[in-house]
Amino acid sequence: MRKTSAAQLAKQLGIPKSRGLEAVLKAQLIAAVVREVGRRGLTHVELATRSGLPRTAVTGILSGSLQKVTIDRVLRLVEAAGLEAKLSVRRAA
């Protein structure tokens, strides 16, 4: 699968670059959670309990639905899966 940059995504969808970046970040974090859930054999119920999110929300997020999904909710899932997120910022080219 080819990675799409935030700028490319924003241009394709006709949205601000910041929204494209947000979508890419969410997708990367969710992909990491999905991999860890598979590796550890966690259920959506376990993730819901650990994160404090409804099970239906967990299932929707992990299935790829990003509608009304906040970074806060995604980060709660990252933590519930036993992961830690790291962000890097650099000067624009």
Protein backbone atom coordinates (compact mmCIF):
# COMPACT_ATOMS: atom_id res chain seq x y z
CA MET A 1 0.00 0.00 0.00
CA ARG A 2 1.34 3.42 -0.99
CA LYS A 3 1.47 6.13 1.64
CA THR A 4 -0.32 9.36 0.85
CA SER A 5 1.07 12.59 2.27
CA ALA A 6 -1.18 15.02 4.07
CA ALA A 7 -0.64 17.56 1.29
CA GLN A 8 -1.59 15.04 -1.41
CA LEU A 9 -4.68 13.96 0.50
CA ALA A 10 -5.77 17.54 1.11
CA LYS A 11 -5.35 18.40 -2.57
CA GLN A 12 -7.26 15.30 -3.70
CA LEU A 13 -10.15 16.00 -1.33
CA GLY A 14 -10.13 19.77 -1.69
CA ILE A 15 -9.66 20.34 2.03
CA PRO A 16 -7.17 22.41 4.04
CA LYS A 17 -3.74 20.85 4.51
CA SER A 18 -4.29 20.77 8.29
CA ARG A 19 -7.37 18.55 7.85
CA GLY A 20 -5.38 16.28 5.55
CA LEU A 21 -2.66 16.00 8.19
CA GLU A 22 -5.23 15.21 10.86
CA ALA A 23 -6.70 12.40 8.72
CA VAL A 24 -3.27 10.92 8.02
CA LEU A 25 -2.28 11.05 11.70
CA LYS A 26 -5.52 9.37 12.77
CA ALA A 27 -5.10 6.67 10.14
CA GLN A 28 -1.50 5.95 11.23
CA LEU A 29 -2.47 5.76 14.91
CA ILE A 30 -5.47 3.53 14.21
CA ALA A 31 -3.35 1.22 12.04
CA ALA A 32 -0.88 0.85 14.93
CA VAL A 33 -3.74 0.03 17.33
CA VAL A 34 -5.16 -2.56 14.92
CA ARG A 35 -1.74 -4.25 14.60
CA GLU A 36 -1.28 -4.30 18.38
CA VAL A 37 -4.81 -5.61 18.99
CA GLY A 38 -4.10 -8.46 16.58
CA ARG A 39 -0.70 -9.16 18.11
CA ARG A 40 -2.04 -9.23 21.66
CA GLY A 41 -5.40 -10.82 20.85
CA LEU A 42 -7.39 -8.01 22.47
CA THR A 43 -11.13 -7.78 21.90
CA HIS A 44 -13.10 -4.63 21.18
CA VAL A 45 -14.82 -5.09 24.54
CA GLU A 46 -11.43 -5.10 26.32
CA LEU A 47 -10.32 -1.98 24.45
CA ALA A 48 -13.62 -0.27 25.25
CA THR A 49 -13.25 -1.07 28.94
CA ARG A 50 -9.63 0.12 29.04
CA SER A 51 -10.31 3.30 27.07
CA GLY A 52 -13.66 4.24 28.56
CA LEU A 53 -15.20 4.42 25.08
CA PRO A 54 -18.39 2.61 24.05
CA ARG A 55 -17.72 -0.73 22.35
CA THR A 56 -19.64 0.43 19.28
CA ALA A 57 -17.31 3.45 18.98
CA VAL A 58 -14.25 1.20 19.27
CA THR A 59 -15.58 -1.13 16.59
CA GLY A 60 -16.39 1.78 14.28
CA ILE A 61 -13.01 3.43 14.71
CA LEU A 62 -11.05 0.21 14.20
CA SER A 63 -13.16 -0.56 11.13
CA GLY A 64 -11.99 2.66 9.52
CA SER A 65 -14.87 5.02 10.19
CA LEU A 66 -13.29 8.39 10.90
CA GLN A 67 -16.51 10.40 11.01
CA LYS A 68 -16.69 12.41 14.22
CA VAL A 69 -13.57 10.66 15.54
CA THR A 70 -11.45 13.01 17.61
CA ILE A 71 -7.72 12.74 18.18
CA ASP A 72 -8.57 12.36 21.88
CA ARG A 73 -10.57 9.18 21.21
CA VAL A 74 -7.85 7.75 19.00
CA LEU A 75 -5.20 8.48 21.63
CA ARG A 76 -7.36 6.78 24.27
CA LEU A 77 -7.34 3.67 22.07
CA VAL A 78 -3.58 3.94 21.59
CA GLU A 79 -3.12 3.95 25.36
CA ALA A 80 -5.70 1.18 25.89
CA ALA A 81 -3.75 -1.01 23.46
CA GLY A 82 -0.60 -0.50 25.54
CA LEU A 83 1.06 1.82 23.03
CA GLU A 84 2.55 5.29 23.31
CA ALA A 85 2.25 7.90 20.56
CA LYS A 86 5.18 10.09 19.58
CA LEU A 87 4.94 13.23 17.46
CA SER A 88 7.72 14.95 15.57
CA VAL A 89 7.62 18.55 14.34
CA ARG A 90 10.08 20.14 11.92
CA ARG A 91 10.43 23.31 9.88
CA ALA A 92 8.52 23.35 6.62
CA ALA A 93 10.65 23.05 3.50
